[in-house]
Every structure is written in C-alpha cells, then in structure tokens.
Amino acid sequence: MIIVRARAGGAELTGTIYERGEEAPSFSGSPDEEAAYVWICDEFYEVDSGGSTQTVDGREIRIAFESPLPRGFDTKEQALEAAKEHVRTQFVRIGVASEAVEVETTKEEFRSADGR
C-alpha cells in the first residue's frame, strides 16, 4: 500500500492507496474488486458550529468530516495524481493555500486484518 500524507498549517491528513492483491476496506460505495488501485481518504470542510476543533495556521477552526470517498484507478500514476490532488483540496477547503501543502508518499507493507 502507498501512504499519501499531506501537511500544512500544523495539521496533517493521511490517506491510503491499496494496490492489486491488497484487500482494501469494503463498504457501501467502494470500487469493485477489479480496480487495480483503490484510494481511500477522509474529506472535511470548515463549519461555523459543531464538528471537531482543529488549530490550523495558528487559528482555531471547526471541521466537519464526510464519509471517506473510495475511488478505483487502473494505473498507479492515476491513483497517485488523484490522491495528491485530493489531500491538497481538503486543505484548500479550510482556507490553506494549495502551494502551502506539503505532500509525501511512502510505500508500506500491507498487512491483512488478521495481521498477515
């Protein structure tokens, strides 16, 4: 699996790209099992009340989370491009400039739910 991590304004967001042969979490709306790459990451936006409190760029804001949006891709390049755009977009939604978002990717060994 490939971990895509974005940092900006003292906050961090991490999503996962599952590769062919790895068992991505399955739930309503997940891509079919034939997708070579599956991207899963939270989505969030700023709200006036409710949500979770987070400090970003020294200001305290309230963030509401949406259900993760799993997406399937045919190629690794497509999945990586979409993942990087996704994490940048989440920070833009809370007032952080896209250019201020640092994105890194790391390859991690996949472990199934039973630890293998």
N, C-alpha and C. Protein backbone atom coordinates (compact mmCIF):
# COMPACT_ATOMS: atom_id res chain seq x y z
N MET A 1 0.83 -1.17 0.00
CA MET A 1 0.00 0.00 0.00
C MET A 1 0.88 1.23 0.00
N ILE A 2 0.30 2.29 -0.50
CA ILE A 2 1.02 3.56 -0.58
C ILE A 2 0.30 4.55 0.32
N ILE A 3 1.06 5.13 1.24
CA ILE A 3 0.52 6.14 2.16
C ILE A 3 0.78 7.51 1.55
N VAL A 4 -0.26 8.33 1.47
CA VAL A 4 -0.13 9.69 0.96
C VAL A 4 -0.44 10.62 2.13
N ARG A 5 0.57 11.40 2.53
CA ARG A 5 0.45 12.25 3.71
C ARG A 5 0.64 13.71 3.30
N ALA A 6 -0.28 14.56 3.75
CA ALA A 6 -0.19 15.99 3.48
C ALA A 6 -0.10 16.74 4.79
N ARG A 7 0.74 17.78 4.80
CA ARG A 7 0.90 18.62 5.99
C ARG A 7 0.82 20.08 5.57
N ALA A 8 0.12 20.86 6.41
CA ALA A 8 0.04 22.30 6.18
C ALA A 8 -0.51 22.96 7.43
N GLY A 9 0.03 24.10 7.77
CA GLY A 9 -0.51 24.89 8.88
C GLY A 9 -0.54 24.16 10.21
N GLY A 10 0.35 23.19 10.41
CA GLY A 10 0.38 22.45 11.66
C GLY A 10 -0.60 21.29 11.72
N ALA A 11 -1.30 21.01 10.62
CA ALA A 11 -2.26 19.91 10.57
C ALA A 11 -1.76 18.87 9.56
N GLU A 12 -2.31 17.66 9.66
CA GLU A 12 -1.89 16.58 8.78
C GLU A 12 -3.10 15.75 8.36
N LEU A 13 -3.05 15.23 7.14
CA LEU A 13 -4.08 14.36 6.60
C LEU A 13 -3.39 13.20 5.90
N THR A 14 -3.84 11.98 6.18
CA THR A 14 -3.23 10.80 5.59
C THR A 14 -4.30 9.94 4.93
N GLY A 15 -4.02 9.47 3.72
CA GLY A 15 -4.88 8.54 3.01
C GLY A 15 -4.07 7.36 2.52
N THR A 16 -4.76 6.36 1.99
CA THR A 16 -4.10 5.13 1.58
C THR A 16 -4.52 4.72 0.16
N ILE A 17 -3.52 4.31 -0.63
CA ILE A 17 -3.77 3.69 -1.93
C ILE A 17 -3.48 2.20 -1.75
N TYR A 18 -4.51 1.38 -1.95
CA TYR A 18 -4.34 -0.06 -1.90
C TYR A 18 -4.05 -0.55 -3.31
N GLU A 19 -3.04 -1.41 -3.44
CA GLU A 19 -2.63 -1.92 -4.74
C GLU A 19 -3.26 -3.29 -5.01
N ARG A 20 -3.21 -3.70 -6.27
CA ARG A 20 -3.76 -5.00 -6.66
C ARG A 20 -3.19 -6.09 -5.73
N GLY A 21 -4.06 -6.95 -5.26
CA GLY A 21 -3.64 -8.03 -4.38
C GLY A 21 -3.78 -7.69 -2.91
N GLU A 22 -3.96 -6.42 -2.60
CA GLU A 22 -4.18 -5.99 -1.22
C GLU A 22 -5.68 -5.83 -1.00
N GLU A 23 -6.13 -6.17 0.15
CA GLU A 23 -7.57 -6.11 0.44
C GLU A 23 -7.95 -4.74 1.00
N ALA A 24 -8.49 -3.90 0.14
CA ALA A 24 -8.95 -2.58 0.59
C ALA A 24 -10.21 -2.76 1.43
N PRO A 25 -10.44 -1.86 2.39
CA PRO A 25 -11.68 -1.94 3.15
C PRO A 25 -12.88 -1.90 2.21
N SER A 26 -13.90 -2.66 2.53
CA SER A 26 -15.09 -2.65 1.67
C SER A 26 -16.27 -2.12 2.47
N PHE A 27 -17.00 -1.21 1.86
CA PHE A 27 -18.20 -0.64 2.44
C PHE A 27 -18.98 -0.02 1.31
N SER A 28 -20.17 0.42 1.60
CA SER A 28 -21.05 0.98 0.58
C SER A 28 -20.32 2.06 -0.21
N GLY A 29 -20.34 1.94 -1.51
CA GLY A 29 -19.71 2.94 -2.38
C GLY A 29 -18.30 2.59 -2.78
N SER A 30 -17.74 1.51 -2.25
CA SER A 30 -16.37 1.12 -2.60
C SER A 30 -16.30 0.71 -4.07
N PRO A 31 -15.14 0.92 -4.70
CA PRO A 31 -14.99 0.47 -6.08
C PRO A 31 -15.06 -1.06 -6.13
N ASP A 32 -15.35 -1.59 -7.30
CA ASP A 32 -15.42 -3.05 -7.39
C ASP A 32 -14.04 -3.65 -7.17
N GLU A 33 -14.02 -4.94 -6.94
CA GLU A 33 -12.79 -5.64 -6.59
C GLU A 33 -11.79 -5.68 -7.73
N GLU A 34 -12.21 -5.33 -8.93
CA GLU A 34 -11.32 -5.39 -10.08
C GLU A 34 -10.42 -4.15 -10.22
N ALA A 35 -10.66 -3.12 -9.45
CA ALA A 35 -9.83 -1.91 -9.55
C ALA A 35 -8.40 -2.26 -9.13
N ALA A 36 -7.44 -1.89 -9.97
CA ALA A 36 -6.04 -2.19 -9.67
C ALA A 36 -5.53 -1.38 -8.47
N TYR A 37 -6.02 -0.15 -8.33
CA TYR A 37 -5.61 0.74 -7.24
C TYR A 37 -6.85 1.37 -6.64
N VAL A 38 -6.94 1.38 -5.31
CA VAL A 38 -8.09 1.98 -4.63
C VAL A 38 -7.57 3.03 -3.65
N TRP A 39 -8.05 4.26 -3.81
CA TRP A 39 -7.67 5.39 -2.96
C TRP A 39 -8.78 5.62 -1.95
N ILE A 40 -8.42 5.71 -0.65
CA ILE A 40 -9.39 6.00 0.41
C ILE A 40 -8.80 7.06 1.33
N CYS A 41 -9.59 8.11 1.56
CA CYS A 41 -9.16 9.19 2.44
C CYS A 41 -10.37 9.98 2.91
N ASP A 42 -10.26 10.54 4.11
CA ASP A 42 -11.33 11.38 4.63
C ASP A 42 -11.49 12.64 3.77
N GLU A 43 -12.67 13.21 3.90
CA GLU A 43 -12.95 14.52 3.33
C GLU A 43 -13.47 15.39 4.47
N PHE A 44 -13.08 16.67 4.48
CA PHE A 44 -13.55 17.56 5.53
C PHE A 44 -13.69 18.97 5.02
N TYR A 45 -14.39 19.79 5.80
CA TYR A 45 -14.61 21.18 5.44
C TYR A 45 -14.86 21.97 6.71
N GLU A 46 -14.69 23.27 6.64
CA GLU A 46 -14.88 24.14 7.80
C GLU A 46 -16.36 24.42 8.02
N VAL A 47 -16.78 24.41 9.29
CA VAL A 47 -18.16 24.72 9.66
C VAL A 47 -18.16 25.79 10.75
N ASP A 48 -19.31 26.46 10.91
CA ASP A 48 -19.43 27.50 11.92
C ASP A 48 -19.67 26.94 13.32
N SER A 49 -20.34 25.80 13.40
CA SER A 49 -20.59 25.18 14.70
C SER A 49 -20.58 23.66 14.54
N GLY A 50 -20.42 22.97 15.66
CA GLY A 50 -20.33 21.52 15.62
C GLY A 50 -18.97 21.10 15.12
N GLY A 51 -18.86 19.86 14.68
CA GLY A 51 -17.60 19.36 14.15
C GLY A 51 -16.53 19.23 15.21
N SER A 52 -15.30 19.10 14.76
CA SER A 52 -14.13 18.95 15.64
C SER A 52 -13.29 20.22 15.57
N THR A 53 -12.72 20.60 16.70
CA THR A 53 -11.87 21.78 16.74
C THR A 53 -10.45 21.40 16.32
N GLN A 54 -9.86 22.22 15.47
CA GLN A 54 -8.51 21.98 14.97
C GLN A 54 -7.80 23.32 14.86
N THR A 55 -6.53 23.36 15.19
CA THR A 55 -5.74 24.57 15.01
C THR A 55 -4.96 24.45 13.70
N VAL A 56 -5.18 25.41 12.81
CA VAL A 56 -4.52 25.42 11.51
C VAL A 56 -3.98 26.82 11.29
N ASP A 57 -2.70 26.91 11.01
CA ASP A 57 -2.04 28.20 10.81
C ASP A 57 -2.28 29.15 11.98
N GLY A 58 -2.31 28.62 13.20
CA GLY A 58 -2.47 29.43 14.39
C GLY A 58 -3.89 29.90 14.67
N ARG A 59 -4.84 29.49 13.86
CA ARG A 59 -6.23 29.87 14.13
C ARG A 59 -7.05 28.61 14.43
N GLU A 60 -7.96 28.74 15.35
CA GLU A 60 -8.80 27.62 15.73
C GLU A 60 -10.04 27.61 14.84
N ILE A 61 -10.25 26.46 14.18
CA ILE A 61 -11.42 26.32 13.31
C ILE A 61 -12.17 25.05 13.67
N ARG A 62 -13.39 24.95 13.18
CA ARG A 62 -14.21 23.75 13.39
C ARG A 62 -14.31 23.03 12.06
N ILE A 63 -14.09 21.72 12.11
CA ILE A 63 -14.06 20.91 10.90
C ILE A 63 -15.10 19.79 11.01
N ALA A 64 -15.87 19.62 9.95
CA ALA A 64 -16.80 18.51 9.86
C ALA A 64 -16.24 17.52 8.84
N PHE A 65 -16.40 16.25 9.14
CA PHE A 65 -15.90 15.19 8.27
C PHE A 65 -17.03 14.56 7.48
N GLU A 66 -16.75 14.22 6.24
CA GLU A 66 -17.66 13.48 5.39
C GLU A 66 -17.18 12.03 5.35
N SER A 67 -18.01 11.14 4.89
CA SER A 67 -17.60 9.74 4.74
C SER A 67 -16.46 9.67 3.74
N PRO A 68 -15.51 8.75 3.97
CA PRO A 68 -14.41 8.60 3.00
C PRO A 68 -14.97 8.29 1.62
N LEU A 69 -14.29 8.79 0.61
CA LEU A 69 -14.71 8.58 -0.76
C LEU A 69 -13.72 7.63 -1.43
N PRO A 70 -14.02 6.33 -1.47
CA PRO A 70 -13.11 5.40 -2.15
C PRO A 70 -13.22 5.58 -3.65
N ARG A 71 -12.09 5.52 -4.33
CA ARG A 71 -12.08 5.64 -5.78
C ARG A 71 -11.14 4.61 -6.36
N GLY A 72 -11.53 4.00 -7.46
CA GLY A 72 -10.71 2.99 -8.12
C GLY A 72 -10.01 3.55 -9.34
N PHE A 73 -8.78 3.06 -9.59
CA PHE A 73 -7.98 3.53 -10.73
C PHE A 73 -7.30 2.35 -11.41
N ASP A 74 -7.03 2.51 -12.70
CA ASP A 74 -6.38 1.47 -13.47
C ASP A 74 -4.86 1.47 -13.30
N THR A 75 -4.28 2.68 -13.09
CA THR A 75 -2.82 2.76 -13.01
C THR A 75 -2.38 3.43 -11.71
N LYS A 76 -1.17 3.14 -11.33
CA LYS A 76 -0.57 3.73 -10.14
C LYS A 76 -0.45 5.25 -10.31
N GLU A 77 -0.07 5.67 -11.51
CA GLU A 77 0.09 7.11 -11.76
C GLU A 77 -1.22 7.86 -11.60
N GLN A 78 -2.32 7.28 -12.11
CA GLN A 78 -3.63 7.90 -11.95
C GLN A 78 -4.00 8.00 -10.47
N ALA A 79 -3.77 6.94 -9.73
CA ALA A 79 -4.11 6.91 -8.30
C ALA A 79 -3.29 7.95 -7.53
N LEU A 80 -2.00 8.02 -7.80
CA LEU A 80 -1.13 8.98 -7.10
C LEU A 80 -1.53 10.42 -7.42
N GLU A 81 -1.79 10.70 -8.68
CA GLU A 81 -2.19 12.06 -9.07
C GLU A 81 -3.48 12.46 -8.38
N ALA A 82 -4.47 11.57 -8.38
CA ALA A 82 -5.76 11.86 -7.74
C ALA A 82 -5.60 12.01 -6.23
N ALA A 83 -4.77 11.18 -5.62
CA ALA A 83 -4.56 11.24 -4.17
C ALA A 83 -3.93 12.57 -3.76
N LYS A 84 -2.91 12.98 -4.49
CA LYS A 84 -2.24 14.25 -4.18
C LYS A 84 -3.19 15.43 -4.35
N GLU A 85 -3.99 15.41 -5.40
CA GLU A 85 -4.97 16.47 -5.62
C GLU A 85 -6.02 16.48 -4.50
N HIS A 86 -6.45 15.28 -4.10
CA HIS A 86 -7.46 15.15 -3.05
C HIS A 86 -6.99 15.78 -1.73
N VAL A 87 -5.78 15.44 -1.29
CA VAL A 87 -5.32 15.96 0.01
C VAL A 87 -5.11 17.47 -0.06
N ARG A 88 -4.61 17.97 -1.17
CA ARG A 88 -4.48 19.43 -1.32
C ARG A 88 -5.84 20.11 -1.25
N THR A 89 -6.82 19.53 -1.92
CA THR A 89 -8.17 20.10 -1.95
C THR A 89 -8.77 20.19 -0.55
N GLN A 90 -8.52 19.19 0.29
CA GLN A 90 -9.07 19.21 1.65
C GLN A 90 -8.53 20.41 2.43
N PHE A 91 -7.25 20.70 2.27
CA PHE A 91 -6.67 21.86 2.97
C PHE A 91 -7.20 23.17 2.38
N VAL A 92 -7.37 23.23 1.08
CA VAL A 92 -7.93 24.43 0.45
C VAL A 92 -9.33 24.69 1.02
N ARG A 93 -10.10 23.63 1.26
CA ARG A 93 -11.46 23.77 1.78
C ARG A 93 -11.49 24.41 3.17
N ILE A 94 -10.35 24.39 3.89
CA ILE A 94 -10.31 25.01 5.22
C ILE A 94 -9.43 26.26 5.22
N GLY A 95 -9.17 26.80 4.03
CA GLY A 95 -8.50 28.09 3.94
C GLY A 95 -6.99 28.07 3.82
N VAL A 96 -6.39 26.93 3.53
CA VAL A 96 -4.94 26.84 3.35
C VAL A 96 -4.64 26.89 1.85
N ALA A 97 -3.66 27.70 1.47
CA ALA A 97 -3.27 27.79 0.07
C ALA A 97 -2.71 26.46 -0.41
N SER A 98 -3.08 26.05 -1.61
CA SER A 98 -2.62 24.79 -2.18
C SER A 98 -1.10 24.68 -2.19
N GLU A 99 -0.43 25.79 -2.46
CA GLU A 99 1.03 25.79 -2.52
C GLU A 99 1.67 25.53 -1.16
N ALA A 100 0.94 25.77 -0.09
CA ALA A 100 1.47 25.58 1.26
C ALA A 100 1.38 24.13 1.74
N VAL A 101 0.72 23.29 0.97
CA VAL A 101 0.52 21.89 1.36
C VAL A 101 1.71 21.05 0.89
N GLU A 102 2.37 20.41 1.85
CA GLU A 102 3.47 19.50 1.54
C GLU A 102 2.91 18.09 1.47
N VAL A 103 3.18 17.40 0.36
CA VAL A 103 2.66 16.04 0.16
C VAL A 103 3.84 15.09 0.03
N GLU A 104 3.75 13.97 0.74
CA GLU A 104 4.77 12.93 0.61
C GLU A 104 4.08 11.58 0.47
N THR A 105 4.74 10.68 -0.23
CA THR A 105 4.22 9.33 -0.37
C THR A 105 5.25 8.34 0.14
N THR A 106 4.77 7.28 0.78
CA THR A 106 5.65 6.21 1.25
C THR A 106 5.00 4.87 0.95
N LYS A 107 5.80 3.91 0.61
CA LYS A 107 5.32 2.55 0.37
C LYS A 107 5.45 1.79 1.67
N GLU A 108 4.36 1.16 2.09
CA GLU A 108 4.37 0.37 3.31
C GLU A 108 3.90 -1.03 3.01
N GLU A 109 4.40 -1.97 3.77
CA GLU A 109 3.99 -3.35 3.58
C GLU A 109 2.55 -3.52 4.03
N PHE A 110 1.77 -4.17 3.20
CA PHE A 110 0.37 -4.41 3.51
C PHE A 110 0.24 -5.53 4.52
N ARG A 111 -0.64 -5.34 5.50
CA ARG A 111 -0.97 -6.40 6.46
C ARG A 111 -2.49 -6.55 6.45
N SER A 112 -2.93 -7.77 6.28
CA SER A 112 -4.37 -8.01 6.27
C SER A 112 -4.96 -7.82 7.66
N ALA A 113 -6.28 -7.88 7.75
CA ALA A 113 -6.97 -7.67 9.02
C ALA A 113 -6.53 -8.67 10.08
N ASP A 114 -6.08 -9.85 9.65
CA ASP A 114 -5.63 -10.85 10.63
C ASP A 114 -4.15 -10.75 10.94
N GLY A 115 -3.49 -9.67 10.44
CA GLY A 115 -2.10 -9.38 10.78
C GLY A 115 -1.08 -10.03 9.87
N ARG A 116 -1.51 -10.70 8.82
CA ARG A 116 -0.55 -11.35 7.90
C ARG A 116 -0.22 -10.49 6.72
